[in-house]
PDB file of N, CA and C in Angstrom:
ATOM      1  N   MET A   1       1.358  23.267  34.317  1.00  0.00           N
ATOM      2  CA  MET A   1       0.709  21.994  34.164  1.00  0.00           C
ATOM      3  C   MET A   1       1.410  21.211  33.069  1.00  0.00           C
ATOM      4  N   ASN A   2       1.667  19.928  33.316  1.00  0.00           N
ATOM      5  CA  ASN A   2       2.357  19.071  32.366  1.00  0.00           C
ATOM      6  C   ASN A   2       1.429  17.951  31.947  1.00  0.00           C
ATOM      7  N   SER A   3       1.147  17.876  30.685  1.00  0.00           N
ATOM      8  CA  SER A   3       0.282  16.820  30.158  1.00  0.00           C
ATOM      9  C   SER A   3       1.131  15.837  29.371  1.00  0.00           C
ATOM     10  N   SER A   4       1.091  14.600  29.772  1.00  0.00           N
ATOM     11  CA  SER A   4       1.868  13.584  29.063  1.00  0.00           C
ATOM     12  C   SER A   4       0.959  12.425  28.643  1.00  0.00           C
ATOM     13  N   LEU A   5      -0.096  12.761  27.947  1.00  0.00           N
ATOM     14  CA  LEU A   5      -0.993  11.720  27.451  1.00  0.00           C
ATOM     15  C   LEU A   5      -0.331  10.983  26.305  1.00  0.00           C
ATOM     16  N   PRO A   6      -0.407   9.663  26.320  1.00  0.00           N
ATOM     17  CA  PRO A   6       0.191   8.923  25.207  1.00  0.00           C
ATOM     18  C   PRO A   6      -0.598   9.180  23.928  1.00  0.00           C
ATOM     19  N   GLY A   7       0.120   9.365  22.845  1.00  0.00           N
ATOM     20  CA  GLY A   7      -0.523   9.588  21.549  1.00  0.00           C
ATOM     21  C   GLY A   7      -0.585   8.296  20.752  1.00  0.00           C
ATOM     22  N   THR A   8      -1.256   8.364  19.660  1.00  0.00           N
ATOM     23  CA  THR A   8      -1.305   7.220  18.767  1.00  0.00           C
ATOM     24  C   THR A   8      -0.222   7.381  17.715  1.00  0.00           C
ATOM     25  N   ALA A   9       0.319   6.280  17.277  1.00  0.00           N
ATOM     26  CA  ALA A   9       1.350   6.309  16.247  1.00  0.00           C
ATOM     27  C   ALA A   9       0.727   6.753  14.927  1.00  0.00           C
ATOM     28  N   ILE A  10       1.443   7.589  14.220  1.00  0.00           N
ATOM     29  CA  ILE A  10       0.975   8.051  12.919  1.00  0.00           C
ATOM     30  C   ILE A  10       1.891   7.452  11.862  1.00  0.00           C
ATOM     31  N   PHE A  11       1.293   6.699  10.965  1.00  0.00           N
ATOM     32  CA  PHE A  11       2.036   6.084   9.883  1.00  0.00           C
ATOM     33  C   PHE A  11       1.700   6.844   8.611  1.00  0.00           C
ATOM     34  N   HIS A  12       2.693   7.430   7.968  1.00  0.00           N
ATOM     35  CA  HIS A  12       2.465   8.208   6.775  1.00  0.00           C
ATOM     36  C   HIS A  12       2.544   7.312   5.551  1.00  0.00           C
ATOM     37  N   SER A  13       1.443   7.248   4.823  1.00  0.00           N
ATOM     38  CA  SER A  13       1.421   6.497   3.572  1.00  0.00           C
ATOM     39  C   SER A  13       0.245   6.959   2.738  1.00  0.00           C
ATOM     40  N   LYS A  14       0.424   6.904   1.422  1.00  0.00           N
ATOM     41  CA  LYS A  14      -0.665   7.222   0.509  1.00  0.00           C
ATOM     42  C   LYS A  14      -0.264   6.826  -0.908  1.00  0.00           C
ATOM     43  N   VAL A  15      -1.263   6.604  -1.723  1.00  0.00           N
ATOM     44  CA  VAL A  15      -1.027   6.365  -3.133  1.00  0.00           C
ATOM     45  C   VAL A  15      -0.713   7.720  -3.766  1.00  0.00           C
ATOM     46  N   LYS A  16       0.417   7.813  -4.449  1.00  0.00           N
ATOM     47  CA  LYS A  16       0.861   9.085  -5.033  1.00  0.00           C
ATOM     48  C   LYS A  16       0.356   9.270  -6.452  1.00  0.00           C
ATOM     49  N   SER A  17       0.449   8.226  -7.273  1.00  0.00           N
ATOM     50  CA  SER A  17       0.013   8.354  -8.656  1.00  0.00           C
ATOM     51  C   SER A  17      -0.255   6.974  -9.245  1.00  0.00           C
ATOM     52  N   ILE A  18      -0.990   6.990 -10.341  1.00  0.00           N
ATOM     53  CA  ILE A  18      -1.363   5.764 -11.044  1.00  0.00           C
ATOM     54  C   ILE A  18      -1.071   5.980 -12.525  1.00  0.00           C
ATOM     55  N   ASN A  19      -0.517   4.949 -13.170  1.00  0.00           N
ATOM     56  CA  ASN A  19      -0.358   5.013 -14.618  1.00  0.00           C
ATOM     57  C   ASN A  19      -0.798   3.673 -15.219  1.00  0.00           C
ATOM     58  N   ALA A  20      -0.575   3.472 -16.476  1.00  0.00           N
ATOM     59  CA  ALA A  20      -1.046   2.270 -17.163  1.00  0.00           C
ATOM     60  C   ALA A  20      -0.365   0.990 -16.665  1.00  0.00           C
ATOM     61  N   LEU A  21       0.782   1.111 -16.025  1.00  0.00           N
ATOM     62  CA  LEU A  21       1.539  -0.066 -15.591  1.00  0.00           C
ATOM     63  C   LEU A  21       1.378  -0.397 -14.113  1.00  0.00           C
ATOM     64  N   GLY A  22       0.913   0.564 -13.315  1.00  0.00           N
ATOM     65  CA  GLY A  22       0.763   0.321 -11.885  1.00  0.00           C
ATOM     66  C   GLY A  22       0.567   1.623 -11.132  1.00  0.00           C
ATOM     67  N   PHE A  23       0.891   1.582  -9.844  1.00  0.00           N
ATOM     68  CA  PHE A  23       0.745   2.789  -9.030  1.00  0.00           C
ATOM     69  C   PHE A  23       1.908   2.917  -8.062  1.00  0.00           C
ATOM     70  N   TRP A  24       2.114   4.148  -7.607  1.00  0.00           N
ATOM     71  CA  TRP A  24       3.181   4.464  -6.661  1.00  0.00           C
ATOM     72  C   TRP A  24       2.577   4.645  -5.280  1.00  0.00           C
ATOM     73  N   LEU A  25       3.157   3.948  -4.300  1.00  0.00           N
ATOM     74  CA  LEU A  25       2.720   4.034  -2.916  1.00  0.00           C
ATOM     75  C   LEU A  25       3.820   4.706  -2.112  1.00  0.00           C
ATOM     76  N   LEU A  26       3.493   5.829  -1.485  1.00  0.00           N
ATOM     77  CA  LEU A  26       4.444   6.551  -0.639  1.00  0.00           C
ATOM     78  C   LEU A  26       4.307   6.029   0.787  1.00  0.00           C
ATOM     79  N   VAL A  27       5.428   5.540   1.317  1.00  0.00           N
ATOM     80  CA  VAL A  27       5.452   4.975   2.672  1.00  0.00           C
ATOM     81  C   VAL A  27       6.596   5.635   3.439  1.00  0.00           C
ATOM     82  N   ASP A  28       6.253   6.468   4.411  1.00  0.00           N
ATOM     83  CA  ASP A  28       7.272   7.122   5.244  1.00  0.00           C
ATOM     84  C   ASP A  28       8.384   7.741   4.401  1.00  0.00           C
ATOM     85  N   ASP A  29       8.029   8.549   3.411  1.00  0.00           N
ATOM     86  CA  ASP A  29       8.959   9.273   2.549  1.00  0.00           C
ATOM     87  C   ASP A  29       9.737   8.395   1.568  1.00  0.00           C
ATOM     88  N   VAL A  30       9.331   7.147   1.391  1.00  0.00           N
ATOM     89  CA  VAL A  30       9.921   6.256   0.390  1.00  0.00           C
ATOM     90  C   VAL A  30       8.809   5.837  -0.561  1.00  0.00           C
ATOM     91  N   GLU A  31       9.073   5.941  -1.868  1.00  0.00           N
ATOM     92  CA  GLU A  31       8.072   5.544  -2.856  1.00  0.00           C
ATOM     93  C   GLU A  31       8.354   4.135  -3.363  1.00  0.00           C
ATOM     94  N   TYR A  32       7.290   3.352  -3.493  1.00  0.00           N
ATOM     95  CA  TYR A  32       7.367   1.988  -4.011  1.00  0.00           C
ATOM     96  C   TYR A  32       6.418   1.877  -5.190  1.00  0.00           C
ATOM     97  N   PHE A  33       6.878   1.207  -6.254  1.00  0.00           N
ATOM     98  CA  PHE A  33       6.022   0.992  -7.409  1.00  0.00           C
ATOM     99  C   PHE A  33       5.352  -0.368  -7.279  1.00  0.00           C
ATOM    100  N   CYS A  34       4.047  -0.400  -7.472  1.00  0.00           N
ATOM    101  CA  CYS A  34       3.250  -1.627  -7.412  1.00  0.00           C
ATOM    102  C   CYS A  34       2.742  -1.924  -8.813  1.00  0.00           C
ATOM    103  N   PRO A  35       3.445  -2.780  -9.557  1.00  0.00           N
ATOM    104  CA  PRO A  35       3.036  -3.046 -10.936  1.00  0.00           C
ATOM    105  C   PRO A  35       1.779  -3.910 -11.005  1.00  0.00           C
ATOM    106  N   PHE A  36       0.898  -3.572 -11.941  1.00  0.00           N
ATOM    107  CA  PHE A  36      -0.327  -4.342 -12.106  1.00  0.00           C
ATOM    108  C   PHE A  36      -0.038  -5.797 -12.476  1.00  0.00           C
ATOM    109  N   ARG A  37       1.078  -6.069 -13.147  1.00  0.00           N
ATOM    110  CA  ARG A  37       1.388  -7.457 -13.507  1.00  0.00           C
ATOM    111  C   ARG A  37       1.645  -8.313 -12.267  1.00  0.00           C
ATOM    112  N   ASP A  38       2.134  -7.703 -11.194  1.00  0.00           N
ATOM    113  CA  ASP A  38       2.364  -8.429  -9.941  1.00  0.00           C
ATOM    114  C   ASP A  38       1.147  -8.407  -9.026  1.00  0.00           C
ATOM    115  N   TYR A  39       0.313  -7.398  -9.168  1.00  0.00           N
ATOM    116  CA  TYR A  39      -0.876  -7.223  -8.323  1.00  0.00           C
ATOM    117  C   TYR A  39      -2.099  -6.987  -9.224  1.00  0.00           C
ATOM    118  N   PRO A  40      -2.531  -8.014  -9.958  1.00  0.00           N
ATOM    119  CA  PRO A  40      -3.594  -7.834 -10.956  1.00  0.00           C
ATOM    120  C   PRO A  40      -4.948  -7.410 -10.391  1.00  0.00           C
ATOM    121  N   VAL A  41      -5.179  -7.593  -9.103  1.00  0.00           N
ATOM    122  CA  VAL A  41      -6.447  -7.163  -8.517  1.00  0.00           C
ATOM    123  C   VAL A  41      -6.653  -5.659  -8.698  1.00  0.00           C
ATOM    124  N   PHE A  42      -5.568  -4.913  -8.833  1.00  0.00           N
ATOM    125  CA  PHE A  42      -5.668  -3.464  -8.997  1.00  0.00           C
ATOM    126  C   PHE A  42      -5.884  -3.048 -10.450  1.00  0.00           C
ATOM    127  N   GLN A  43      -5.618  -3.950 -11.373  1.00  0.00           N
ATOM    128  CA  GLN A  43      -5.670  -3.598 -12.791  1.00  0.00           C
ATOM    129  C   GLN A  43      -7.056  -3.150 -13.252  1.00  0.00           C
ATOM    130  N   ARG A  44      -8.093  -3.765 -12.740  1.00  0.00           N
ATOM    131  CA  ARG A  44      -9.457  -3.405 -13.125  1.00  0.00           C
ATOM    132  C   ARG A  44     -10.156  -2.547 -12.063  1.00  0.00           C
ATOM    133  N   ALA A  45      -9.409  -2.159 -11.056  1.00  0.00           N
ATOM    134  CA  ALA A  45      -9.977  -1.319  -9.991  1.00  0.00           C
ATOM    135  C   ALA A  45     -10.156   0.103 -10.491  1.00  0.00           C
ATOM    136  N   THR A  46     -11.069   0.803  -9.862  1.00  0.00           N
ATOM    137  CA  THR A  46     -11.240   2.212 -10.183  1.00  0.00           C
ATOM    138  C   THR A  46     -10.136   3.028  -9.513  1.00  0.00           C
ATOM    139  N   VAL A  47      -9.959   4.231  -9.983  1.00  0.00           N
ATOM    140  CA  VAL A  47      -8.974   5.132  -9.379  1.00  0.00           C
ATOM    141  C   VAL A  47      -9.311   5.355  -7.912  1.00  0.00           C
ATOM    142  N   THR A  48     -10.581   5.549  -7.630  1.00  0.00           N
ATOM    143  CA  THR A  48     -11.020   5.757  -6.244  1.00  0.00           C
ATOM    144  C   THR A  48     -10.677   4.552  -5.375  1.00  0.00           C
ATOM    145  N   GLN A  49     -10.871   3.352  -5.882  1.00  0.00           N
ATOM    146  CA  GLN A  49     -10.556   2.148  -5.107  1.00  0.00           C
ATOM    147  C   GLN A  49      -9.060   2.032  -4.831  1.00  0.00           C
ATOM    148  N   ILE A  50      -8.241   2.389  -5.792  1.00  0.00           N
ATOM    149  CA  ILE A  50      -6.788   2.308  -5.591  1.00  0.00           C
ATOM    150  C   ILE A  50      -6.319   3.357  -4.582  1.00  0.00           C
ATOM    151  N   TYR A  51      -6.872   4.544  -4.662  1.00  0.00           N
ATOM    152  CA  TYR A  51      -6.478   5.600  -3.722  1.00  0.00           C
ATOM    153  C   TYR A  51      -6.987   5.337  -2.297  1.00  0.00           C
ATOM    154  N   ASP A  52      -7.946   4.452  -2.134  1.00  0.00           N
ATOM    155  CA  ASP A  52      -8.506   4.147  -0.813  1.00  0.00           C
ATOM    156  C   ASP A  52      -7.648   3.112  -0.087  1.00  0.00           C
ATOM    157  N   CYS A  53      -6.416   3.500   0.206  1.00  0.00           N
ATOM    158  CA  CYS A  53      -5.461   2.614   0.873  1.00  0.00           C
ATOM    159  C   CYS A  53      -5.463   2.911   2.367  1.00  0.00           C
ATOM    160  N   GLN A  54      -5.531   1.865   3.167  1.00  0.00           N
ATOM    161  CA  GLN A  54      -5.463   2.005   4.615  1.00  0.00           C
ATOM    162  C   GLN A  54      -4.190   1.329   5.114  1.00  0.00           C
ATOM    163  N   ARG A  55      -3.503   1.968   5.994  1.00  0.00           N
ATOM    164  CA  ARG A  55      -2.311   1.375   6.601  1.00  0.00           C
ATOM    165  C   ARG A  55      -2.739   0.809   7.946  1.00  0.00           C
ATOM    166  N   LEU A  56      -2.777  -0.515   8.024  1.00  0.00           N
ATOM    167  CA  LEU A  56      -3.250  -1.185   9.230  1.00  0.00           C
ATOM    168  C   LEU A  56      -2.193  -1.255  10.316  1.00  0.00           C
ATOM    169  N   SER A  57      -0.939  -1.278   9.910  1.00  0.00           N
ATOM    170  CA  SER A  57       0.185  -1.343  10.843  1.00  0.00           C
ATOM    171  C   SER A  57       1.392  -0.762  10.114  1.00  0.00           C
ATOM    172  N   PRO A  58       2.533  -0.708  10.754  1.00  0.00           N
ATOM    173  CA  PRO A  58       3.706  -0.182  10.045  1.00  0.00           C
ATOM    174  C   PRO A  58       4.058  -0.975   8.785  1.00  0.00           C
ATOM    175  N   THR A  59       3.604  -2.220   8.698  1.00  0.00           N
ATOM    176  CA  THR A  59       4.002  -3.064   7.563  1.00  0.00           C
ATOM    177  C   THR A  59       2.840  -3.592   6.719  1.00  0.00           C
ATOM    178  N   GLN A  60       1.623  -3.219   7.019  1.00  0.00           N
ATOM    179  CA  GLN A  60       0.468  -3.763   6.305  1.00  0.00           C
ATOM    180  C   GLN A  60      -0.370  -2.665   5.672  1.00  0.00           C
ATOM    181  N   PHE A  61      -0.697  -2.872   4.375  1.00  0.00           N
ATOM    182  CA  PHE A  61      -1.542  -1.950   3.633  1.00  0.00           C
ATOM    183  C   PHE A  61      -2.753  -2.721   3.128  1.00  0.00           C
ATOM    184  N   HIS A  62      -3.913  -2.070   3.192  1.00  0.00           N
ATOM    185  CA  HIS A  62      -5.158  -2.755   2.844  1.00  0.00           C
ATOM    186  C   HIS A  62      -6.045  -1.833   2.013  1.00  0.00           C
ATOM    187  N   TRP A  63      -6.689  -2.429   1.004  1.00  0.00           N
ATOM    188  CA  TRP A  63      -7.658  -1.739   0.163  1.00  0.00           C
ATOM    189  C   TRP A  63      -9.004  -2.411   0.402  1.00  0.00           C
ATOM    190  N   PRO A  64      -9.856  -1.817   1.252  1.00  0.00           N
ATOM    191  CA  PRO A  64     -11.078  -2.478   1.701  1.00  0.00           C
ATOM    192  C   PRO A  64     -12.058  -2.845   0.588  1.00  0.00           C
ATOM    193  N   GLU A  65     -12.291  -1.979  -0.366  1.00  0.00           N
ATOM    194  CA  GLU A  65     -13.253  -2.299  -1.418  1.00  0.00           C
ATOM    195  C   GLU A  65     -12.764  -3.413  -2.328  1.00  0.00           C
ATOM    196  N   LEU A  66     -11.462  -3.609  -2.394  1.00  0.00           N
ATOM    197  CA  LEU A  66     -10.881  -4.654  -3.237  1.00  0.00           C
ATOM    198  C   LEU A  66     -10.570  -5.923  -2.448  1.00  0.00           C
ATOM    199  N   ASP A  67     -10.677  -5.843  -1.127  1.00  0.00           N
ATOM    200  CA  ASP A  67     -10.282  -6.937  -0.247  1.00  0.00           C
ATOM    201  C   ASP A  67      -8.882  -7.430  -0.604  1.00  0.00           C
ATOM    202  N   ALA A  68      -7.970  -6.464  -0.731  1.00  0.00           N
ATOM    203  CA  ALA A  68      -6.596  -6.759  -1.126  1.00  0.00           C
ATOM    204  C   ALA A  68      -5.638  -6.127  -0.132  1.00  0.00           C
ATOM    205  N   GLY A  69      -4.479  -6.734  -0.009  1.00  0.00           N
ATOM    206  CA  GLY A  69      -3.468  -6.215   0.887  1.00  0.00           C
ATOM    207  C   GLY A  69      -2.073  -6.445   0.360  1.00  0.00           C
ATOM    208  N   ILE A  70      -1.141  -5.617   0.791  1.00  0.00           N
ATOM    209  CA  ILE A  70       0.272  -5.745   0.430  1.00  0.00           C
ATOM    210  C   ILE A  70       1.091  -5.540   1.695  1.00  0.00           C
ATOM    211  N   GLU A  71       2.089  -6.362   1.880  1.00  0.00           N
ATOM    212  CA  GLU A  71       3.022  -6.230   2.991  1.00  0.00           C
ATOM    213  C   GLU A  71       4.214  -5.377   2.554  1.00  0.00           C
ATOM    214  N   LEU A  72       4.715  -4.549   3.426  1.00  0.00           N
ATOM    215  CA  LEU A  72       5.846  -3.687   3.126  1.00  0.00           C
ATOM    216  C   LEU A  72       7.060  -4.505   2.694  1.00  0.00           C
ATOM    217  N   ASP A  73       7.276  -5.643   3.291  1.00  0.00           N
ATOM    218  CA  ASP A  73       8.431  -6.473   2.930  1.00  0.00           C
ATOM    219  C   ASP A  73       8.374  -6.893   1.459  1.00  0.00           C
ATOM    220  N   ALA A  74       7.184  -7.132   0.936  1.00  0.00           N
ATOM    221  CA  ALA A  74       7.041  -7.494  -0.476  1.00  0.00           C
ATOM    222  C   ALA A  74       7.409  -6.323  -1.383  1.00  0.00           C
ATOM    223  N   LEU A  75       7.183  -5.110  -0.930  1.00  0.00           N
ATOM    224  CA  LEU A  75       7.571  -3.931  -1.707  1.00  0.00           C
ATOM    225  C   LEU A  75       9.065  -3.669  -1.618  1.00  0.00           C
ATOM    226  N   GLU A  76       9.637  -3.920  -0.451  1.00  0.00           N
ATOM    227  CA  GLU A  76      11.068  -3.680  -0.253  1.00  0.00           C
ATOM    228  C   GLU A  76      11.936  -4.765  -0.879  1.00  0.00           C
ATOM    229  N   HIS A  77      11.419  -5.996  -0.931  1.00  0.00           N
ATOM    230  CA  HIS A  77      12.192  -7.139  -1.433  1.00  0.00           C
ATOM    231  C   HIS A  77      11.348  -7.979  -2.393  1.00  0.00           C
ATOM    232  N   PRO A  78      10.956  -7.420  -3.534  1.00  0.00           N
ATOM    233  CA  PRO A  78      10.069  -8.164  -4.448  1.00  0.00           C
ATOM    234  C   PRO A  78      10.683  -9.463  -4.966  1.00  0.00           C
ATOM    235  N   GLU A  79      11.999  -9.532  -5.011  1.00  0.00           N
ATOM    236  CA  GLU A  79      12.657 -10.755  -5.482  1.00  0.00           C
ATOM    237  C   GLU A  79      12.394 -11.944  -4.549  1.00  0.00           C
ATOM    238  N   GLN A  80      12.032 -11.686  -3.316  1.00  0.00           N
ATOM    239  CA  GLN A  80      11.733 -12.764  -2.360  1.00  0.00           C
ATOM    240  C   GLN A  80      10.282 -13.230  -2.448  1.00  0.00           C
ATOM    241  N   TYR A  81       9.485 -12.561  -3.293  1.00  0.00           N
ATOM    242  CA  TYR A  81       8.072 -12.887  -3.446  1.00  0.00           C
ATOM    243  C   TYR A  81       7.769 -13.100  -4.916  1.00  0.00           C
ATOM    244  N   PRO A  82       8.242 -14.236  -5.467  1.00  0.00           N
ATOM    245  CA  PRO A  82       8.105 -14.440  -6.917  1.00  0.00           C
ATOM    246  C   PRO A  82       6.689 -14.759  -7.387  1.00  0.00           C
ATOM    247  N   LEU A  83       5.809 -15.122  -6.486  1.00  0.00           N
ATOM    248  CA  LEU A  83       4.461 -15.477  -6.897  1.00  0.00           C
ATOM    249  C   LEU A  83       3.628 -14.223  -7.131  1.00  0.00           C
ATOM    250  N   VAL A  84       2.797 -14.297  -8.130  1.00  0.00           N
ATOM    251  CA  VAL A  84       1.888 -13.193  -8.433  1.00  0.00           C
ATOM    252  C   VAL A  84       0.699 -13.265  -7.505  1.00  0.00           C
ATOM    253  N   PHE A  85       0.243 -12.122  -7.053  1.00  0.00           N
ATOM    254  CA  PHE A  85      -0.936 -12.036  -6.171  1.00  0.00           C
ATOM    255  C   PHE A  85      -2.143 -12.633  -6.874  1.00  0.00           C
ATOM    256  N   HIS A  86      -2.866 -13.490  -6.176  1.00  0.00           N
ATOM    257  CA  HIS A  86      -4.123 -14.042  -6.687  1.00  0.00           C
ATOM    258  C   HIS A  86      -5.196 -13.823  -5.660  1.00  0.00           C
ATOM    259  N   ARG A  87      -6.371 -13.550  -6.129  1.00  0.00           N
ATOM    260  CA  ARG A  87      -7.492 -13.317  -5.241  1.00  0.00           C
ATOM    261  C   ARG A  87      -8.122 -14.614  -4.821  1.00  0.00           C
TER     262      ARG A  87
END
């Protein structure tokens, strides 16, 4: 018997660590640093809120309790996104 049911895509990502300056987001075996100075919504967030990251698509990350999101392109090319995140 051959079963060829289509599966769902699995996107690997998670917050790896947090320090006084920001947090590290692991995306498909690549780590990106998210500094609090660029993403101030995370600065007053709890550790639990920061770790509660959802990957909505291959390029979109969302923190539901903070109503905040980051695009992968902004992490890969921060020089192209000079504006600081504002809520």
